[in-house]
Amino acid sequence: MCVRWGQRALDCFYRGKRKTMKKTAVYAFAVVVTLTASGCFSLSWAHNRRHVRKFIDELVQLHQDIDKVIFGLDRNPAE
């Protein structure tokens, strides 16, 4: 627990800053890995949007496959 006065307050402040910096570094690293892992990075939003759309389509297909194989459910057009 942080005390609101003296050196301890400064320690708590800097500890919070370090946690924030670590989180930011982890998020930045995740973005870099995501963009470079595919081997196809572009500054064109239209091109990147195609990749995102394909990823979403693959997740939908995976969900449908799981529904069919595990639960025996056929695709419902109403969904």
Protein backbone atom coordinates (compact mmCIF):
# COMPACT_ATOMS: atom_id res chain seq x y z
CA MET A 1 0.00 0.00 0.00
CA CYS A 2 1.33 3.40 -0.91
CA VAL A 3 1.67 6.17 1.63
CA ARG A 4 0.77 9.60 0.32
CA TRP A 5 3.76 11.46 1.70
CA GLY A 6 7.53 11.37 1.72
CA GLN A 7 9.88 9.00 -0.06
CA ARG A 8 7.37 6.16 -0.09
CA ALA A 9 5.01 8.23 -2.18
CA LEU A 10 7.77 8.76 -4.73
CA ASP A 11 8.60 5.04 -4.69
CA CYS A 12 4.96 4.17 -5.36
CA PHE A 13 4.80 6.74 -8.14
CA TYR A 14 7.87 5.39 -9.90
CA ARG A 15 6.78 1.78 -9.37
CA GLY A 16 3.49 2.65 -11.10
CA LYS A 17 5.40 4.31 -13.93
CA ARG A 18 7.58 1.20 -14.38
CA LYS A 19 4.50 -1.02 -14.59
CA THR A 20 2.96 1.30 -17.17
CA MET A 21 6.18 1.34 -19.18
CA LYS A 22 6.38 -2.47 -19.03
CA LYS A 23 2.78 -2.80 -20.25
CA THR A 24 3.44 -0.35 -23.06
CA ALA A 25 6.59 -2.24 -24.07
CA VAL A 26 4.71 -5.56 -24.08
CA TYR A 27 1.92 -4.11 -26.21
CA ALA A 28 4.40 -2.53 -28.63
CA PHE A 29 6.28 -5.83 -28.89
CA ALA A 30 3.02 -7.68 -29.59
CA VAL A 31 2.14 -5.23 -32.37
CA VAL A 32 5.59 -5.54 -33.93
CA VAL A 33 5.44 -9.34 -33.83
CA THR A 34 1.95 -9.33 -35.31
CA LEU A 35 2.92 -7.03 -38.14
CA THR A 36 6.17 -8.75 -39.01
CA ALA A 37 5.17 -12.39 -38.42
CA SER A 38 3.00 -12.46 -41.50
CA GLY A 39 5.89 -11.25 -43.63
CA CYS A 40 3.55 -8.77 -45.23
CA PHE A 41 3.50 -5.32 -43.70
CA SER A 42 2.12 -2.38 -45.56
CA LEU A 43 1.25 1.19 -44.68
CA SER A 44 -1.82 0.85 -46.89
CA TRP A 45 -4.86 0.53 -44.67
CA ALA A 46 -6.84 -1.16 -47.46
CA HIS A 47 -4.20 -3.88 -47.72
CA ASN A 48 -3.97 -4.38 -43.96
CA ARG A 49 -7.76 -4.44 -43.70
CA ARG A 50 -7.81 -7.40 -46.12
CA HIS A 51 -5.50 -9.28 -43.76
CA VAL A 52 -7.68 -8.46 -40.74
CA ARG A 53 -10.83 -9.47 -42.64
CA LYS A 54 -9.26 -12.79 -43.64
CA PHE A 55 -8.23 -13.44 -40.04
CA ILE A 56 -11.80 -12.80 -38.86
CA ASP A 57 -13.19 -15.05 -41.60
CA GLU A 58 -10.83 -17.83 -40.49
CA LEU A 59 -12.00 -17.44 -36.87
CA VAL A 60 -15.64 -17.66 -37.98
CA GLN A 61 -14.85 -20.79 -40.01
CA LEU A 62 -13.03 -22.32 -37.01
CA HIS A 63 -16.05 -21.60 -34.80
CA GLN A 64 -18.39 -23.26 -37.30
CA ASP A 65 -16.11 -26.29 -37.54
CA ILE A 66 -16.05 -26.64 -33.75
CA ASP A 67 -19.84 -26.35 -33.62
CA LYS A 68 -20.18 -29.06 -36.27
CA VAL A 69 -17.54 -31.52 -35.03
CA ILE A 70 -17.93 -31.22 -31.26
CA PHE A 71 -21.58 -30.24 -30.83
CA GLY A 72 -23.06 -31.69 -34.03
CA LEU A 73 -24.66 -28.36 -34.96
CA ASP A 74 -25.16 -27.40 -38.59
CA ARG A 75 -24.69 -23.85 -39.76
CA ASN A 76 -27.71 -21.69 -38.97
CA PRO A 77 -28.37 -19.00 -41.61
CA ALA A 78 -30.14 -16.87 -38.99
CA GLU A 79 -26.89 -16.39 -37.06
